[in-house]
Amino acid sequence: MQTIDEFACLVREELGIPLADEDLTADLDRLPEWDSLYMLKLVTALERTTGRKLPVGRVLEVRSLEAIYQLAVKP
């Protein structure tokens, strides 16, 4: 997973939620189906896909899927 489009595809496939491009920058609280279980599933999928651990404390601080993507792709 290198691009934001690949990340969006991963979110759609792994979580099974509809996701428009503008949802990537929206506050997580504004995503109708978003909850802590989705966050856990996403972190698990990202760790499996990237092969590295995500900083969970930082993941919990971010407010958008785009910010989670940035954490996942930056070494």
PDB file of N, CA and C in Angstrom:
ATOM      1  N   MET A   1       0.845  -1.171   0.000  1.00  0.00           N
ATOM      2  CA  MET A   1       0.000   0.000   0.000  1.00  0.00           C
ATOM      3  C   MET A   1       0.890   1.234   0.000  1.00  0.00           C
ATOM      4  N   GLN A   2       0.817   1.969  -1.083  1.00  0.00           N
ATOM      5  CA  GLN A   2       1.656   3.157  -1.229  1.00  0.00           C
ATOM      6  C   GLN A   2       0.844   4.447  -1.353  1.00  0.00           C
ATOM      7  N   THR A   3      -0.295   4.374  -2.017  1.00  0.00           N
ATOM      8  CA  THR A   3      -1.046   5.595  -2.310  1.00  0.00           C
ATOM      9  C   THR A   3      -2.296   5.707  -1.441  1.00  0.00           C
ATOM     10  N   ILE A   4      -2.829   6.915  -1.398  1.00  0.00           N
ATOM     11  CA  ILE A   4      -4.068   7.153  -0.648  1.00  0.00           C
ATOM     12  C   ILE A   4      -5.220   6.367  -1.275  1.00  0.00           C
ATOM     13  N   ASP A   5      -5.180   6.173  -2.599  1.00  0.00           N
ATOM     14  CA  ASP A   5      -6.224   5.389  -3.266  1.00  0.00           C
ATOM     15  C   ASP A   5      -6.168   3.923  -2.837  1.00  0.00           C
ATOM     16  N   GLU A   6      -4.961   3.388  -2.705  1.00  0.00           N
ATOM     17  CA  GLU A   6      -4.806   2.013  -2.226  1.00  0.00           C
ATOM     18  C   GLU A   6      -5.282   1.894  -0.780  1.00  0.00           C
ATOM     19  N   PHE A   7      -5.009   2.924   0.009  1.00  0.00           N
ATOM     20  CA  PHE A   7      -5.482   2.950   1.394  1.00  0.00           C
ATOM     21  C   PHE A   7      -7.006   2.946   1.431  1.00  0.00           C
ATOM     22  N   ALA A   8      -7.640   3.793   0.619  1.00  0.00           N
ATOM     23  CA  ALA A   8      -9.101   3.857   0.576  1.00  0.00           C
ATOM     24  C   ALA A   8      -9.686   2.508   0.165  1.00  0.00           C
ATOM     25  N   CYS A   9      -9.059   1.855  -0.784  1.00  0.00           N
ATOM     26  CA  CYS A   9      -9.504   0.524  -1.217  1.00  0.00           C
ATOM     27  C   CYS A   9      -9.397  -0.466  -0.060  1.00  0.00           C
ATOM     28  N   LEU A  10      -8.303  -0.410   0.691  1.00  0.00           N
ATOM     29  CA  LEU A  10      -8.119  -1.290   1.838  1.00  0.00           C
ATOM     30  C   LEU A  10      -9.214  -1.047   2.878  1.00  0.00           C
ATOM     31  N   VAL A  11      -9.526   0.215   3.143  1.00  0.00           N
ATOM     32  CA  VAL A  11     -10.586   0.542   4.107  1.00  0.00           C
ATOM     33  C   VAL A  11     -11.913  -0.046   3.641  1.00  0.00           C
ATOM     34  N   ARG A  12     -12.236   0.150   2.382  1.00  0.00           N
ATOM     35  CA  ARG A  12     -13.504  -0.372   1.847  1.00  0.00           C
ATOM     36  C   ARG A  12     -13.569  -1.897   1.942  1.00  0.00           C
ATOM     37  N   GLU A  13     -12.484  -2.555   1.538  1.00  0.00           N
ATOM     38  CA  GLU A  13     -12.475  -4.019   1.502  1.00  0.00           C
ATOM     39  C   GLU A  13     -12.416  -4.639   2.894  1.00  0.00           C
ATOM     40  N   GLU A  14     -11.552  -4.125   3.745  1.00  0.00           N
ATOM     41  CA  GLU A  14     -11.358  -4.720   5.071  1.00  0.00           C
ATOM     42  C   GLU A  14     -12.508  -4.420   6.028  1.00  0.00           C
ATOM     43  N   LEU A  15     -13.056  -3.209   5.933  1.00  0.00           N
ATOM     44  CA  LEU A  15     -14.105  -2.814   6.870  1.00  0.00           C
ATOM     45  C   LEU A  15     -15.502  -2.973   6.293  1.00  0.00           C
ATOM     46  N   GLY A  16     -15.589  -3.048   4.972  1.00  0.00           N
ATOM     47  CA  GLY A  16     -16.889  -3.215   4.341  1.00  0.00           C
ATOM     48  C   GLY A  16     -17.807  -2.018   4.500  1.00  0.00           C
ATOM     49  N   ILE A  17     -17.204  -0.831   4.580  1.00  0.00           N
ATOM     50  CA  ILE A  17     -18.035   0.370   4.702  1.00  0.00           C
ATOM     51  C   ILE A  17     -17.912   1.195   3.421  1.00  0.00           C
ATOM     52  N   PRO A  18     -19.005   1.848   3.031  1.00  0.00           N
ATOM     53  CA  PRO A  18     -18.917   2.728   1.869  1.00  0.00           C
ATOM     54  C   PRO A  18     -18.049   3.929   2.231  1.00  0.00           C
ATOM     55  N   LEU A  19     -17.199   4.330   1.325  1.00  0.00           N
ATOM     56  CA  LEU A  19     -16.263   5.407   1.617  1.00  0.00           C
ATOM     57  C   LEU A  19     -16.087   6.264   0.379  1.00  0.00           C
ATOM     58  N   ALA A  20     -16.540   7.501   0.458  1.00  0.00           N
ATOM     59  CA  ALA A  20     -16.336   8.447  -0.634  1.00  0.00           C
ATOM     60  C   ALA A  20     -14.979   9.117  -0.441  1.00  0.00           C
ATOM     61  N   ASP A  21     -14.431   9.674  -1.500  1.00  0.00           N
ATOM     62  CA  ASP A  21     -13.117  10.317  -1.411  1.00  0.00           C
ATOM     63  C   ASP A  21     -13.092  11.412  -0.349  1.00  0.00           C
ATOM     64  N   GLU A  22     -14.175  12.170  -0.242  1.00  0.00           N
ATOM     65  CA  GLU A  22     -14.207  13.261   0.744  1.00  0.00           C
ATOM     66  C   GLU A  22     -14.245  12.743   2.183  1.00  0.00           C
ATOM     67  N   ASP A  23     -14.617  11.485   2.365  1.00  0.00           N
ATOM     68  CA  ASP A  23     -14.628  10.897   3.710  1.00  0.00           C
ATOM     69  C   ASP A  23     -13.222  10.725   4.275  1.00  0.00           C
ATOM     70  N   LEU A  24     -12.224  10.688   3.413  1.00  0.00           N
ATOM     71  CA  LEU A  24     -10.848  10.503   3.877  1.00  0.00           C
ATOM     72  C   LEU A  24     -10.377  11.672   4.734  1.00  0.00           C
ATOM     73  N   THR A  25     -10.867  12.869   4.446  1.00  0.00           N
ATOM     74  CA  THR A  25     -10.436  14.045   5.202  1.00  0.00           C
ATOM     75  C   THR A  25     -11.439  14.465   6.272  1.00  0.00           C
ATOM     76  N   ALA A  26     -12.584  13.831   6.304  1.00  0.00           N
ATOM     77  CA  ALA A  26     -13.616  14.176   7.289  1.00  0.00           C
ATOM     78  C   ALA A  26     -13.206  13.710   8.683  1.00  0.00           C
ATOM     79  N   ASP A  27     -13.691  14.419   9.684  1.00  0.00           N
ATOM     80  CA  ASP A  27     -13.479  13.989  11.063  1.00  0.00           C
ATOM     81  C   ASP A  27     -14.124  12.617  11.237  1.00  0.00           C
ATOM     82  N   LEU A  28     -13.438  11.736  11.946  1.00  0.00           N
ATOM     83  CA  LEU A  28     -13.954  10.377  12.128  1.00  0.00           C
ATOM     84  C   LEU A  28     -15.356  10.370  12.735  1.00  0.00           C
ATOM     85  N   ASP A  29     -15.660  11.336  13.586  1.00  0.00           N
ATOM     86  CA  ASP A  29     -16.992  11.417  14.190  1.00  0.00           C
ATOM     87  C   ASP A  29     -18.084  11.691  13.159  1.00  0.00           C
ATOM     88  N   ARG A  30     -17.706  12.184  12.002  1.00  0.00           N
ATOM     89  CA  ARG A  30     -18.694  12.493  10.961  1.00  0.00           C
ATOM     90  C   ARG A  30     -18.975  11.306  10.044  1.00  0.00           C
ATOM     91  N   LEU A  31     -18.186  10.256  10.175  1.00  0.00           N
ATOM     92  CA  LEU A  31     -18.430   9.056   9.369  1.00  0.00           C
ATOM     93  C   LEU A  31     -19.533   8.249  10.043  1.00  0.00           C
ATOM     94  N   PRO A  32     -20.667   8.079   9.378  1.00  0.00           N
ATOM     95  CA  PRO A  32     -21.847   7.499  10.022  1.00  0.00           C
ATOM     96  C   PRO A  32     -21.634   6.130  10.649  1.00  0.00           C
ATOM     97  N   GLU A  33     -20.821   5.296  10.055  1.00  0.00           N
ATOM     98  CA  GLU A  33     -20.673   3.936  10.568  1.00  0.00           C
ATOM     99  C   GLU A  33     -19.439   3.763  11.445  1.00  0.00           C
ATOM    100  N   TRP A  34     -18.654   4.805  11.645  1.00  0.00           N
ATOM    101  CA  TRP A  34     -17.365   4.670  12.320  1.00  0.00           C
ATOM    102  C   TRP A  34     -17.523   4.455  13.817  1.00  0.00           C
ATOM    103  N   ASP A  35     -16.768   3.490  14.352  1.00  0.00           N
ATOM    104  CA  ASP A  35     -16.711   3.287  15.804  1.00  0.00           C
ATOM    105  C   ASP A  35     -15.357   2.684  16.155  1.00  0.00           C
ATOM    106  N   SER A  36     -15.136   2.415  17.428  1.00  0.00           N
ATOM    107  CA  SER A  36     -13.833   1.925  17.880  1.00  0.00           C
ATOM    108  C   SER A  36     -13.505   0.546  17.311  1.00  0.00           C
ATOM    109  N   LEU A  37     -14.497  -0.259  17.032  1.00  0.00           N
ATOM    110  CA  LEU A  37     -14.245  -1.567  16.434  1.00  0.00           C
ATOM    111  C   LEU A  37     -13.653  -1.417  15.033  1.00  0.00           C
ATOM    112  N   TYR A  38     -14.165  -0.459  14.265  1.00  0.00           N
ATOM    113  CA  TYR A  38     -13.597  -0.199  12.944  1.00  0.00           C
ATOM    114  C   TYR A  38     -12.150   0.265  13.061  1.00  0.00           C
ATOM    115  N   MET A  39     -11.859   1.079  14.074  1.00  0.00           N
ATOM    116  CA  MET A  39     -10.487   1.544  14.275  1.00  0.00           C
ATOM    117  C   MET A  39      -9.562   0.351  14.529  1.00  0.00           C
ATOM    118  N   LEU A  40      -9.986  -0.558  15.385  1.00  0.00           N
ATOM    119  CA  LEU A  40      -9.185  -1.742  15.699  1.00  0.00           C
ATOM    120  C   LEU A  40      -8.975  -2.610  14.457  1.00  0.00           C
ATOM    121  N   LYS A  41     -10.044  -2.825  13.699  1.00  0.00           N
ATOM    122  CA  LYS A  41      -9.935  -3.615  12.469  1.00  0.00           C
ATOM    123  C   LYS A  41      -8.990  -2.951  11.466  1.00  0.00           C
ATOM    124  N   LEU A  42      -9.078  -1.631  11.357  1.00  0.00           N
ATOM    125  CA  LEU A  42      -8.230  -0.910  10.411  1.00  0.00           C
ATOM    126  C   LEU A  42      -6.765  -0.984  10.820  1.00  0.00           C
ATOM    127  N   VAL A  43      -6.481  -0.769  12.091  1.00  0.00           N
ATOM    128  CA  VAL A  43      -5.095  -0.848  12.562  1.00  0.00           C
ATOM    129  C   VAL A  43      -4.534  -2.248  12.309  1.00  0.00           C
ATOM    130  N   THR A  44      -5.315  -3.269  12.596  1.00  0.00           N
ATOM    131  CA  THR A  44      -4.877  -4.649  12.362  1.00  0.00           C
ATOM    132  C   THR A  44      -4.594  -4.888  10.879  1.00  0.00           C
ATOM    133  N   ALA A  45      -5.484  -4.424  10.010  1.00  0.00           N
ATOM    134  CA  ALA A  45      -5.297  -4.597   8.566  1.00  0.00           C
ATOM    135  C   ALA A  45      -4.070  -3.834   8.074  1.00  0.00           C
ATOM    136  N   LEU A  46      -3.864  -2.632   8.585  1.00  0.00           N
ATOM    137  CA  LEU A  46      -2.703  -1.843   8.171  1.00  0.00           C
ATOM    138  C   LEU A  46      -1.403  -2.484   8.631  1.00  0.00           C
ATOM    139  N   GLU A  47      -1.384  -2.993   9.842  1.00  0.00           N
ATOM    140  CA  GLU A  47      -0.178  -3.651  10.343  1.00  0.00           C
ATOM    141  C   GLU A  47       0.128  -4.907   9.530  1.00  0.00           C
ATOM    142  N   ARG A  48      -0.903  -5.639   9.171  1.00  0.00           N
ATOM    143  CA  ARG A  48      -0.722  -6.838   8.353  1.00  0.00           C
ATOM    144  C   ARG A  48      -0.222  -6.459   6.953  1.00  0.00           C
ATOM    145  N   THR A  49      -0.783  -5.411   6.390  1.00  0.00           N
ATOM    146  CA  THR A  49      -0.434  -4.987   5.034  1.00  0.00           C
ATOM    147  C   THR A  49       0.961  -4.373   4.957  1.00  0.00           C
ATOM    148  N   THR A  50       1.291  -3.524   5.925  1.00  0.00           N
ATOM    149  CA  THR A  50       2.581  -2.828   5.881  1.00  0.00           C
ATOM    150  C   THR A  50       3.710  -3.630   6.512  1.00  0.00           C
ATOM    151  N   GLY A  51       3.354  -4.605   7.356  1.00  0.00           N
ATOM    152  CA  GLY A  51       4.371  -5.403   8.022  1.00  0.00           C
ATOM    153  C   GLY A  51       5.046  -4.708   9.182  1.00  0.00           C
ATOM    154  N   ARG A  52       4.434  -3.642   9.679  1.00  0.00           N
ATOM    155  CA  ARG A  52       5.014  -2.946  10.827  1.00  0.00           C
ATOM    156  C   ARG A  52       3.922  -2.479  11.776  1.00  0.00           C
ATOM    157  N   LYS A  53       4.312  -2.275  13.018  1.00  0.00           N
ATOM    158  CA  LYS A  53       3.367  -1.827  14.045  1.00  0.00           C
ATOM    159  C   LYS A  53       3.088  -0.338  13.882  1.00  0.00           C
ATOM    160  N   LEU A  54       1.844   0.034  14.101  1.00  0.00           N
ATOM    161  CA  LEU A  54       1.484   1.447  14.103  1.00  0.00           C
ATOM    162  C   LEU A  54       1.535   1.964  15.535  1.00  0.00           C
ATOM    163  N   PRO A  55       1.907   3.220  15.707  1.00  0.00           N
ATOM    164  CA  PRO A  55       1.920   3.800  17.050  1.00  0.00           C
ATOM    165  C   PRO A  55       0.480   4.046  17.527  1.00  0.00           C
ATOM    166  N   VAL A  56      -0.046   3.118  18.301  1.00  0.00           N
ATOM    167  CA  VAL A  56      -1.463   3.145  18.674  1.00  0.00           C
ATOM    168  C   VAL A  56      -1.841   4.455  19.362  1.00  0.00           C
ATOM    169  N   GLY A  57      -0.981   4.951  20.233  1.00  0.00           N
ATOM    170  CA  GLY A  57      -1.272   6.223  20.900  1.00  0.00           C
ATOM    171  C   GLY A  57      -1.492   7.348  19.917  1.00  0.00           C
ATOM    172  N   ARG A  58      -0.669   7.399  18.880  1.00  0.00           N
ATOM    173  CA  ARG A  58      -0.821   8.446  17.860  1.00  0.00           C
ATOM    174  C   ARG A  58      -2.047   8.204  16.998  1.00  0.00           C
ATOM    175  N   VAL A  59      -2.326   6.934  16.702  1.00  0.00           N
ATOM    176  CA  VAL A  59      -3.516   6.606  15.908  1.00  0.00           C
ATOM    177  C   VAL A  59      -4.770   7.088  16.631  1.00  0.00           C
ATOM    178  N   LEU A  60      -4.809   6.908  17.941  1.00  0.00           N
ATOM    179  CA  LEU A  60      -5.984   7.321  18.715  1.00  0.00           C
ATOM    180  C   LEU A  60      -6.130   8.835  18.794  1.00  0.00           C
ATOM    181  N   GLU A  61      -5.058   9.567  18.538  1.00  0.00           N
ATOM    182  CA  GLU A  61      -5.104  11.031  18.588  1.00  0.00           C
ATOM    183  C   GLU A  61      -5.579  11.661  17.289  1.00  0.00           C
ATOM    184  N   VAL A  62      -5.400  10.975  16.173  1.00  0.00           N
ATOM    185  CA  VAL A  62      -5.735  11.579  14.881  1.00  0.00           C
ATOM    186  C   VAL A  62      -7.245  11.615  14.675  1.00  0.00           C
ATOM    187  N   ARG A  63      -7.673  12.501  13.792  1.00  0.00           N
ATOM    188  CA  ARG A  63      -9.103  12.736  13.623  1.00  0.00           C
ATOM    189  C   ARG A  63      -9.633  12.419  12.233  1.00  0.00           C
ATOM    190  N   SER A  64      -8.797  11.839  11.355  1.00  0.00           N
ATOM    191  CA  SER A  64      -9.294  11.516  10.013  1.00  0.00           C
ATOM    192  C   SER A  64      -8.609  10.262   9.484  1.00  0.00           C
ATOM    193  N   LEU A  65      -9.233   9.656   8.496  1.00  0.00           N
ATOM    194  CA  LEU A  65      -8.631   8.497   7.846  1.00  0.00           C
ATOM    195  C   LEU A  65      -7.348   8.893   7.123  1.00  0.00           C
ATOM    196  N   GLU A  66      -7.331  10.087   6.556  1.00  0.00           N
ATOM    197  CA  GLU A  66      -6.123  10.555   5.880  1.00  0.00           C
ATOM    198  C   GLU A  66      -4.947  10.634   6.858  1.00  0.00           C
ATOM    199  N   ALA A  67      -5.196  11.076   8.078  1.00  0.00           N
ATOM    200  CA  ALA A  67      -4.140  11.143   9.087  1.00  0.00           C
ATOM    201  C   ALA A  67      -3.669   9.740   9.478  1.00  0.00           C
ATOM    202  N   ILE A  68      -4.585   8.789   9.538  1.00  0.00           N
ATOM    203  CA  ILE A  68      -4.197   7.398   9.812  1.00  0.00           C
ATOM    204  C   ILE A  68      -3.329   6.880   8.671  1.00  0.00           C
ATOM    205  N   TYR A  69      -3.712   7.196   7.446  1.00  0.00           N
ATOM    206  CA  TYR A  69      -2.905   6.813   6.282  1.00  0.00           C
ATOM    207  C   TYR A  69      -1.486   7.360   6.409  1.00  0.00           C
ATOM    208  N   GLN A  70      -1.366   8.635   6.779  1.00  0.00           N
ATOM    209  CA  GLN A  70      -0.040   9.246   6.924  1.00  0.00           C
ATOM    210  C   GLN A  70       0.802   8.495   7.952  1.00  0.00           C
ATOM    211  N   LEU A  71       0.202   8.102   9.058  1.00  0.00           N
ATOM    212  CA  LEU A  71       0.932   7.337  10.073  1.00  0.00           C
ATOM    213  C   LEU A  71       1.355   5.969   9.542  1.00  0.00           C
ATOM    214  N   ALA A  72       0.505   5.379   8.719  1.00  0.00           N
ATOM    215  CA  ALA A  72       0.774   4.028   8.219  1.00  0.00           C
ATOM    216  C   ALA A  72       1.887   3.997   7.180  1.00  0.00           C
ATOM    217  N   VAL A  73       2.025   5.051   6.389  1.00  0.00           N
ATOM    218  CA  VAL A  73       2.998   5.019   5.299  1.00  0.00           C
ATOM    219  C   VAL A  73       4.325   5.678   5.646  1.00  0.00           C
ATOM    220  N   LYS A  74       4.358   6.463   6.710  1.00  0.00           N
ATOM    221  CA  LYS A  74       5.617   7.119   7.088  1.00  0.00           C
ATOM    222  C   LYS A  74       6.431   6.199   7.973  1.00  0.00           C
ATOM    223  N   PRO A  75       7.710   6.026   7.640  1.00  0.00           N
ATOM    224  CA  PRO A  75       8.556   5.155   8.473  1.00  0.00           C
ATOM    225  C   PRO A  75       8.841   5.748   9.843  1.00  0.00           C
TER     226      PRO A  75
END
